[in-house]
Amino acid sequence: MSDWKDTLQAEPQDLKASKPESLVQLARRPATAADFEVTLAIKKQALGPYIEQVWGWEDEFQRVFHSENFKPDSTTILLYEGKEIGLLEAEEQPDCFFIQSLLIVPEFQGRGVGTALLNEIITKALAVDKPVRLDVLQVNKRALQLYQRLGFTLQNTTELTFQLVLSTQHEVSNS
């Protein structure tokens, strides 16, 4: 297989996805068990095309998988003007900060939301001298570009994912 950085190619910019003047209108709330359907819908919108490429999307399988893996206690719902636009599932572990999922619905991707959230986690990790770790599907080139731009490096490769890490020697990116 080629080097993980070789899989990253610039994608055309979506002209509609201009950055908002500020992220002040981005609100957050803790997820609850009642958010099962909302989080499944966000997953289908944000991650569905990549799951479809790798395994194929089957609604019933994804519903069961989501019911077995949805962790409201470590999930935050992202809202813009009251509308659920994404979710962040992350937790501080003894040896690192681990990002399980950062999902933004397509119409809000490319607007700096993911960068801002990742930079918050990176700042917290730097303050306690812990790396940030995450896994990303190899077919998700857009996410790979974001993580590479923020300084994540390849730690390991599986058949379907890249396991990335950002060490504590990193400085927060403003780009």
C-alpha atoms as a PDB file:
ATOM      1  CA  MET A   1       0.000   0.000   0.000  1.00  0.00           C
ATOM      2  CA  SER A   2       1.151   3.533  -0.652  1.00  0.00           C
ATOM      3  CA  ASP A   3       2.143   5.931   2.081  1.00  0.00           C
ATOM      4  CA  TRP A   4      -0.890   7.295   3.940  1.00  0.00           C
ATOM      5  CA  LYS A   5      -0.015  10.849   2.932  1.00  0.00           C
ATOM      6  CA  ASP A   6      -0.147   9.802  -0.739  1.00  0.00           C
ATOM      7  CA  THR A   7      -3.869   9.141  -0.340  1.00  0.00           C
ATOM      8  CA  LEU A   8      -4.468  12.794   0.428  1.00  0.00           C
ATOM      9  CA  GLN A   9      -5.283  14.935  -2.540  1.00  0.00           C
ATOM     10  CA  ALA A  10      -6.831  18.353  -2.578  1.00  0.00           C
ATOM     11  CA  GLU A  11     -10.574  18.261  -3.146  1.00  0.00           C
ATOM     12  CA  PRO A  12     -12.411  21.086  -4.891  1.00  0.00           C
ATOM     13  CA  GLN A  13     -13.741  23.704  -2.508  1.00  0.00           C
ATOM     14  CA  ASP A  14     -17.505  23.797  -2.114  1.00  0.00           C
ATOM     15  CA  LEU A  15     -18.465  27.365  -2.912  1.00  0.00           C
ATOM     16  CA  LYS A  16     -21.514  27.175  -0.649  1.00  0.00           C
ATOM     17  CA  ALA A  17     -19.449  26.074   2.340  1.00  0.00           C
ATOM     18  CA  SER A  18     -17.868  29.406   3.129  1.00  0.00           C
ATOM     19  CA  LYS A  19     -16.731  29.831   6.688  1.00  0.00           C
ATOM     20  CA  PRO A  20     -19.197  31.607   8.962  1.00  0.00           C
ATOM     21  CA  GLU A  21     -18.022  34.894  10.395  1.00  0.00           C
ATOM     22  CA  SER A  22     -17.877  33.218  13.787  1.00  0.00           C
ATOM     23  CA  LEU A  23     -18.754  29.963  15.454  1.00  0.00           C
ATOM     24  CA  VAL A  24     -20.577  31.834  18.213  1.00  0.00           C
ATOM     25  CA  GLN A  25     -23.858  30.313  17.063  1.00  0.00           C
ATOM     26  CA  LEU A  26     -22.479  26.787  17.496  1.00  0.00           C
ATOM     27  CA  ALA A  27     -24.010  25.345  20.628  1.00  0.00           C
ATOM     28  CA  ARG A  28     -23.442  22.033  22.347  1.00  0.00           C
ATOM     29  CA  ARG A  29     -25.362  19.822  24.655  1.00  0.00           C
ATOM     30  CA  PRO A  30     -24.619  16.486  26.268  1.00  0.00           C
ATOM     31  CA  ALA A  31     -26.217  13.548  24.518  1.00  0.00           C
ATOM     32  CA  THR A  32     -28.749  11.396  26.311  1.00  0.00           C
ATOM     33  CA  ALA A  33     -30.164   7.970  25.534  1.00  0.00           C
ATOM     34  CA  ALA A  34     -33.081   9.814  23.907  1.00  0.00           C
ATOM     35  CA  ASP A  35     -30.645  11.030  21.205  1.00  0.00           C
ATOM     36  CA  PHE A  36     -30.330   7.574  19.674  1.00  0.00           C
ATOM     37  CA  GLU A  37     -32.278   8.463  16.509  1.00  0.00           C
ATOM     38  CA  VAL A  38     -30.630  11.883  16.151  1.00  0.00           C
ATOM     39  CA  THR A  39     -27.134  10.444  16.417  1.00  0.00           C
ATOM     40  CA  LEU A  40     -27.957   7.602  14.028  1.00  0.00           C
ATOM     41  CA  ALA A  41     -29.261  10.156  11.493  1.00  0.00           C
ATOM     42  CA  ILE A  42     -26.091  12.271  11.870  1.00  0.00           C
ATOM     43  CA  LYS A  43     -23.971   9.140  11.412  1.00  0.00           C
ATOM     44  CA  LYS A  44     -25.874   8.195   8.256  1.00  0.00           C
ATOM     45  CA  GLN A  45     -25.470  11.682   6.764  1.00  0.00           C
ATOM     46  CA  ALA A  46     -21.840  12.266   7.727  1.00  0.00           C
ATOM     47  CA  LEU A  47     -20.316   8.795   7.648  1.00  0.00           C
ATOM     48  CA  GLY A  48     -22.823   6.850   5.567  1.00  0.00           C
ATOM     49  CA  PRO A  49     -21.147   7.440   2.181  1.00  0.00           C
ATOM     50  CA  TYR A  50     -17.855   6.070   3.540  1.00  0.00           C
ATOM     51  CA  ILE A  51     -19.518   3.086   5.218  1.00  0.00           C
ATOM     52  CA  GLU A  52     -21.289   2.443   1.918  1.00  0.00           C
ATOM     53  CA  GLN A  53     -17.922   2.374   0.098  1.00  0.00           C
ATOM     54  CA  VAL A  54     -16.361  -0.050   2.555  1.00  0.00           C
ATOM     55  CA  TRP A  55     -19.132  -2.408   3.683  1.00  0.00           C
ATOM     56  CA  GLY A  56     -22.359  -1.160   2.146  1.00  0.00           C
ATOM     57  CA  TRP A  57     -24.954   0.627   4.273  1.00  0.00           C
ATOM     58  CA  GLU A  58     -27.687  -1.629   5.593  1.00  0.00           C
ATOM     59  CA  ASP A  59     -30.140   0.239   7.798  1.00  0.00           C
ATOM     60  CA  GLU A  60     -30.980  -2.635  10.140  1.00  0.00           C
ATOM     61  CA  PHE A  61     -27.342  -3.630  10.662  1.00  0.00           C
ATOM     62  CA  GLN A  62     -26.357   0.003  11.320  1.00  0.00           C
ATOM     63  CA  ARG A  63     -29.247   0.417  13.773  1.00  0.00           C
ATOM     64  CA  VAL A  64     -28.138  -2.647  15.750  1.00  0.00           C
ATOM     65  CA  PHE A  65     -24.464  -1.628  15.590  1.00  0.00           C
ATOM     66  CA  HIS A  66     -25.340   1.889  16.748  1.00  0.00           C
ATOM     67  CA  SER A  67     -27.478   0.565  19.620  1.00  0.00           C
ATOM     68  CA  GLU A  68     -24.535  -1.545  20.801  1.00  0.00           C
ATOM     69  CA  ASN A  69     -21.966   1.253  20.488  1.00  0.00           C
ATOM     70  CA  PHE A  70     -23.751   4.559  21.216  1.00  0.00           C
ATOM     71  CA  LYS A  71     -22.275   6.071  24.386  1.00  0.00           C
ATOM     72  CA  PRO A  72     -24.341   9.090  25.429  1.00  0.00           C
ATOM     73  CA  ASP A  73     -22.029   9.789  28.404  1.00  0.00           C
ATOM     74  CA  SER A  74     -19.085  10.602  26.128  1.00  0.00           C
ATOM     75  CA  THR A  75     -21.077  12.188  23.281  1.00  0.00           C
ATOM     76  CA  THR A  76     -21.812  15.848  22.688  1.00  0.00           C
ATOM     77  CA  ILE A  77     -24.454  16.995  20.224  1.00  0.00           C
ATOM     78  CA  LEU A  78     -23.462  19.983  18.099  1.00  0.00           C
ATOM     79  CA  LEU A  79     -26.175  22.506  17.232  1.00  0.00           C
ATOM     80  CA  TYR A  80     -26.324  25.478  14.910  1.00  0.00           C
ATOM     81  CA  GLU A  81     -29.311  27.762  15.309  1.00  0.00           C
ATOM     82  CA  GLY A  82     -31.041  24.957  17.217  1.00  0.00           C
ATOM     83  CA  LYS A  83     -30.488  22.319  14.522  1.00  0.00           C
ATOM     84  CA  GLU A  84     -28.422  19.193  15.253  1.00  0.00           C
ATOM     85  CA  ILE A  85     -25.479  19.396  12.831  1.00  0.00           C
ATOM     86  CA  GLY A  86     -23.056  16.904  14.278  1.00  0.00           C
ATOM     87  CA  LEU A  87     -21.672  15.029  17.191  1.00  0.00           C
ATOM     88  CA  LEU A  88     -18.404  14.584  19.004  1.00  0.00           C
ATOM     89  CA  GLU A  89     -17.633  11.429  20.929  1.00  0.00           C
ATOM     90  CA  ALA A  90     -14.370  11.829  22.793  1.00  0.00           C
ATOM     91  CA  GLU A  91     -12.977  10.957  26.164  1.00  0.00           C
ATOM     92  CA  GLU A  92      -9.892  11.465  28.212  1.00  0.00           C
ATOM     93  CA  GLN A  93      -8.276   8.127  28.921  1.00  0.00           C
ATOM     94  CA  PRO A  94      -5.383   7.475  31.324  1.00  0.00           C
ATOM     95  CA  ASP A  95      -2.766   7.705  28.545  1.00  0.00           C
ATOM     96  CA  CYS A  96      -4.427   9.892  25.882  1.00  0.00           C
ATOM     97  CA  PHE A  97      -7.448  11.766  24.604  1.00  0.00           C
ATOM     98  CA  PHE A  98      -9.320   9.445  22.265  1.00  0.00           C
ATOM     99  CA  ILE A  99     -11.694  10.753  19.621  1.00  0.00           C
ATOM    100  CA  GLN A 100     -14.144   7.998  18.763  1.00  0.00           C
ATOM    101  CA  SER A 101     -16.243  10.091  16.369  1.00  0.00           C
ATOM    102  CA  LEU A 102     -16.333  13.615  15.010  1.00  0.00           C
ATOM    103  CA  LEU A 103     -19.262  13.753  12.626  1.00  0.00           C
ATOM    104  CA  ILE A 104     -20.525  16.904  10.924  1.00  0.00           C
ATOM    105  CA  VAL A 105     -23.457  16.762   8.486  1.00  0.00           C
ATOM    106  CA  PRO A 106     -22.343  17.529   4.927  1.00  0.00           C
ATOM    107  CA  GLU A 107     -23.855  21.015   4.627  1.00  0.00           C
ATOM    108  CA  PHE A 108     -21.754  22.172   7.594  1.00  0.00           C
ATOM    109  CA  GLN A 109     -18.495  20.493   6.600  1.00  0.00           C
ATOM    110  CA  GLY A 110     -15.666  22.740   5.443  1.00  0.00           C
ATOM    111  CA  ARG A 111     -16.776  25.626   7.656  1.00  0.00           C
ATOM    112  CA  GLY A 112     -14.211  25.257  10.431  1.00  0.00           C
ATOM    113  CA  VAL A 113     -16.425  23.413  12.908  1.00  0.00           C
ATOM    114  CA  GLY A 114     -14.271  20.271  12.991  1.00  0.00           C
ATOM    115  CA  THR A 115     -11.045  22.283  13.150  1.00  0.00           C
ATOM    116  CA  ALA A 116     -12.330  24.336  16.080  1.00  0.00           C
ATOM    117  CA  LEU A 117     -13.449  21.254  18.012  1.00  0.00           C
ATOM    118  CA  LEU A 118     -10.207  19.395  17.338  1.00  0.00           C
ATOM    119  CA  ASN A 119      -8.152  22.416  18.399  1.00  0.00           C
ATOM    120  CA  GLU A 120     -10.068  22.522  21.704  1.00  0.00           C
ATOM    121  CA  ILE A 121      -9.224  18.873  22.356  1.00  0.00           C
ATOM    122  CA  ILE A 122      -5.601  19.416  21.294  1.00  0.00           C
ATOM    123  CA  THR A 123      -5.305  22.364  23.684  1.00  0.00           C
ATOM    124  CA  LYS A 124      -6.680  20.274  26.576  1.00  0.00           C
ATOM    125  CA  ALA A 125      -4.320  17.414  25.701  1.00  0.00           C
ATOM    126  CA  LEU A 126      -1.305  19.707  25.559  1.00  0.00           C
ATOM    127  CA  ALA A 127      -2.191  21.120  28.984  1.00  0.00           C
ATOM    128  CA  VAL A 128      -1.945  17.647  30.546  1.00  0.00           C
ATOM    129  CA  ASP A 129       0.820  16.342  28.267  1.00  0.00           C
ATOM    130  CA  LYS A 130      -1.249  13.586  26.623  1.00  0.00           C
ATOM    131  CA  PRO A 131      -1.400  12.652  22.935  1.00  0.00           C
ATOM    132  CA  VAL A 132      -4.642  12.700  20.937  1.00  0.00           C
ATOM    133  CA  ARG A 133      -5.539   9.478  19.128  1.00  0.00           C
ATOM    134  CA  LEU A 134      -8.197   8.562  16.593  1.00  0.00           C
ATOM    135  CA  ASP A 135      -8.987   6.098  13.834  1.00  0.00           C
ATOM    136  CA  VAL A 136     -10.246   7.139  10.409  1.00  0.00           C
ATOM    137  CA  LEU A 137     -11.462   5.082   7.479  1.00  0.00           C
ATOM    138  CA  GLN A 138      -8.875   5.117   4.709  1.00  0.00           C
ATOM    139  CA  VAL A 139     -11.564   6.082   2.172  1.00  0.00           C
ATOM    140  CA  ASN A 140     -12.433   9.251   4.116  1.00  0.00           C
ATOM    141  CA  LYS A 141      -9.929  11.487   2.341  1.00  0.00           C
ATOM    142  CA  ARG A 142     -11.534  14.723   3.516  1.00  0.00           C
ATOM    143  CA  ALA A 143     -11.111  13.791   7.171  1.00  0.00           C
ATOM    144  CA  LEU A 144      -7.556  12.609   6.493  1.00  0.00           C
ATOM    145  CA  GLN A 145      -6.729  16.003   5.015  1.00  0.00           C
ATOM    146  CA  LEU A 146      -8.064  17.763   8.107  1.00  0.00           C
ATOM    147  CA  TYR A 147      -6.142  15.544  10.510  1.00  0.00           C
ATOM    148  CA  GLN A 148      -2.932  15.875   8.508  1.00  0.00           C
ATOM    149  CA  ARG A 149      -3.291  19.662   8.378  1.00  0.00           C
ATOM    150  CA  LEU A 150      -3.631  19.718  12.173  1.00  0.00           C
ATOM    151  CA  GLY A 151      -0.466  17.670  12.630  1.00  0.00           C
ATOM    152  CA  PHE A 152      -1.711  14.133  13.216  1.00  0.00           C
ATOM    153  CA  THR A 153       0.713  11.439  12.107  1.00  0.00           C
ATOM    154  CA  LEU A 154       0.288   7.801  11.219  1.00  0.00           C
ATOM    155  CA  GLN A 155       0.734   5.428  14.122  1.00  0.00           C
ATOM    156  CA  ASN A 156      -0.612   2.231  12.569  1.00  0.00           C
ATOM    157  CA  THR A 157      -2.550   0.965   9.571  1.00  0.00           C
ATOM    158  CA  THR A 158      -5.263  -1.666   9.543  1.00  0.00           C
ATOM    159  CA  GLU A 159      -6.951  -3.126   6.497  1.00  0.00           C
ATOM    160  CA  LEU A 160      -9.574  -0.337   6.545  1.00  0.00           C
ATOM    161  CA  THR A 161      -8.343   2.418   8.847  1.00  0.00           C
ATOM    162  CA  PHE A 162      -5.469   4.695   9.619  1.00  0.00           C
ATOM    163  CA  GLN A 163      -4.718   5.012  13.322  1.00  0.00           C
ATOM    164  CA  LEU A 164      -3.464   8.534  13.877  1.00  0.00           C
ATOM    165  CA  VAL A 165      -1.820  10.311  16.775  1.00  0.00           C
ATOM    166  CA  LEU A 166      -0.994  13.886  17.613  1.00  0.00           C
ATOM    167  CA  SER A 167       1.885  14.113  20.061  1.00  0.00           C
ATOM    168  CA  THR A 168       2.156  16.624  22.893  1.00  0.00           C
ATOM    169  CA  GLN A 169       5.001  18.400  21.096  1.00  0.00           C
ATOM    170  CA  HIS A 170       2.463  19.847  18.631  1.00  0.00           C
ATOM    171  CA  GLU A 171       1.327  23.461  18.506  1.00  0.00           C
ATOM    172  CA  VAL A 172      -2.333  24.282  17.890  1.00  0.00           C
ATOM    173  CA  SER A 173      -3.061  25.238  14.277  1.00  0.00           C
ATOM    174  CA  ASN A 174      -5.028  28.386  13.507  1.00  0.00           C
ATOM    175  CA  SER A 175      -5.669  27.426   9.894  1.00  0.00           C
END
